[in-house]
Amino acid sequence: MPGSVPVTSTRALTAATIDHALRLADLGPEAALDADPLLARGLNIAGGRIVHDVVAAAVDAVAAAA
């Protein structure tokens, strides 16, 4: 319910993501992903290709249903 508590939800989202954003800014994407396994687990697309298995499976399922 972020819309009902916009300030609180914004602060929570910022608290959860700021370290990753700063690491990306300081190190650049490749070094940040190498340095942070949790950040790397969130990578969905690299080099124009889907690299996350779950996302790839979901895209394949949608494409098959179309």
C-alpha atoms as a PDB file:
ATOM      1  CA  MET A   1       0.000   0.000   0.000  1.00  0.00           C
ATOM      2  CA  PRO A   2       2.668   2.549  -0.923  1.00  0.00           C
ATOM      3  CA  GLY A   3       0.038   5.045  -2.049  1.00  0.00           C
ATOM      4  CA  SER A   4      -1.455   5.262   1.418  1.00  0.00           C
ATOM      5  CA  VAL A   5       1.906   5.993   3.073  1.00  0.00           C
ATOM      6  CA  PRO A   6       3.994   7.663   0.349  1.00  0.00           C
ATOM      7  CA  VAL A   7       6.666   9.220   2.555  1.00  0.00           C
ATOM      8  CA  THR A   8       7.213   6.064   4.574  1.00  0.00           C
ATOM      9  CA  SER A   9       7.315   3.846   1.489  1.00  0.00           C
ATOM     10  CA  THR A  10       9.780   6.184  -0.236  1.00  0.00           C
ATOM     11  CA  ARG A  11      12.065   6.130   2.794  1.00  0.00           C
ATOM     12  CA  ALA A  12      11.878   2.334   2.990  1.00  0.00           C
ATOM     13  CA  LEU A  13      12.658   1.918  -0.712  1.00  0.00           C
ATOM     14  CA  THR A  14      15.550   4.369  -0.459  1.00  0.00           C
ATOM     15  CA  ALA A  15      16.966   2.600   2.602  1.00  0.00           C
ATOM     16  CA  ALA A  16      16.791  -0.740   0.803  1.00  0.00           C
ATOM     17  CA  THR A  17      18.414   0.436  -2.437  1.00  0.00           C
ATOM     18  CA  ILE A  18      20.803   3.298  -1.673  1.00  0.00           C
ATOM     19  CA  ASP A  19      23.826   1.107  -0.934  1.00  0.00           C
ATOM     20  CA  HIS A  20      23.440  -0.685  -4.260  1.00  0.00           C
ATOM     21  CA  ALA A  21      22.974   2.582  -6.164  1.00  0.00           C
ATOM     22  CA  LEU A  22      26.074   4.085  -4.553  1.00  0.00           C
ATOM     23  CA  ARG A  23      28.133   0.980  -5.288  1.00  0.00           C
ATOM     24  CA  LEU A  24      27.029   1.135  -8.942  1.00  0.00           C
ATOM     25  CA  ALA A  25      27.945   4.823  -9.104  1.00  0.00           C
ATOM     26  CA  ASP A  26      31.307   4.397  -7.379  1.00  0.00           C
ATOM     27  CA  LEU A  27      32.536   1.221  -9.073  1.00  0.00           C
ATOM     28  CA  GLY A  28      30.634   1.074 -12.345  1.00  0.00           C
ATOM     29  CA  PRO A  29      28.244  -1.729 -13.215  1.00  0.00           C
ATOM     30  CA  GLU A  30      30.673  -4.579 -13.894  1.00  0.00           C
ATOM     31  CA  ALA A  31      32.829  -4.070 -10.797  1.00  0.00           C
ATOM     32  CA  ALA A  32      29.758  -3.482  -8.619  1.00  0.00           C
ATOM     33  CA  LEU A  33      28.195  -6.749  -9.785  1.00  0.00           C
ATOM     34  CA  ASP A  34      31.463  -8.588  -9.153  1.00  0.00           C
ATOM     35  CA  ALA A  35      31.736  -7.083  -5.663  1.00  0.00           C
ATOM     36  CA  ASP A  36      28.128  -7.659  -4.588  1.00  0.00           C
ATOM     37  CA  PRO A  37      26.583 -11.113  -5.115  1.00  0.00           C
ATOM     38  CA  LEU A  38      23.147  -9.882  -4.033  1.00  0.00           C
ATOM     39  CA  LEU A  39      23.219  -7.118  -6.606  1.00  0.00           C
ATOM     40  CA  ALA A  40      24.341  -9.619  -9.239  1.00  0.00           C
ATOM     41  CA  ARG A  41      21.384 -11.880  -8.405  1.00  0.00           C
ATOM     42  CA  GLY A  42      19.085  -9.018  -9.371  1.00  0.00           C
ATOM     43  CA  LEU A  43      20.565  -8.593 -12.835  1.00  0.00           C
ATOM     44  CA  ASN A  44      17.945  -9.487 -15.446  1.00  0.00           C
ATOM     45  CA  ILE A  45      19.423  -8.295 -18.748  1.00  0.00           C
ATOM     46  CA  ALA A  46      23.060  -7.884 -19.822  1.00  0.00           C
ATOM     47  CA  GLY A  47      24.434  -7.268 -23.277  1.00  0.00           C
ATOM     48  CA  GLY A  48      20.931  -7.276 -24.731  1.00  0.00           C
ATOM     49  CA  ARG A  49      20.227 -10.803 -23.468  1.00  0.00           C
ATOM     50  CA  ILE A  50      18.093 -12.082 -20.615  1.00  0.00           C
ATOM     51  CA  VAL A  51      20.562 -13.540 -18.097  1.00  0.00           C
ATOM     52  CA  HIS A  52      18.197 -14.358 -15.227  1.00  0.00           C
ATOM     53  CA  ASP A  53      16.767 -17.872 -15.621  1.00  0.00           C
ATOM     54  CA  VAL A  54      13.412 -17.102 -13.978  1.00  0.00           C
ATOM     55  CA  VAL A  55      12.869 -13.991 -16.105  1.00  0.00           C
ATOM     56  CA  ALA A  56      13.830 -15.924 -19.254  1.00  0.00           C
ATOM     57  CA  ALA A  57      11.351 -18.680 -18.383  1.00  0.00           C
ATOM     58  CA  ALA A  58       8.581 -16.136 -17.789  1.00  0.00           C
ATOM     59  CA  VAL A  59       9.275 -14.377 -21.085  1.00  0.00           C
ATOM     60  CA  ASP A  60       9.302 -17.733 -22.895  1.00  0.00           C
ATOM     61  CA  ALA A  61       5.966 -18.665 -21.275  1.00  0.00           C
ATOM     62  CA  VAL A  62       4.359 -15.390 -22.347  1.00  0.00           C
ATOM     63  CA  ALA A  63       5.749 -15.732 -25.867  1.00  0.00           C
ATOM     64  CA  ALA A  64       4.452 -19.295 -26.136  1.00  0.00           C
ATOM     65  CA  ALA A  65       0.987 -18.217 -25.020  1.00  0.00           C
ATOM     66  CA  ALA A  66       0.799 -15.408 -27.582  1.00  0.00           C
END
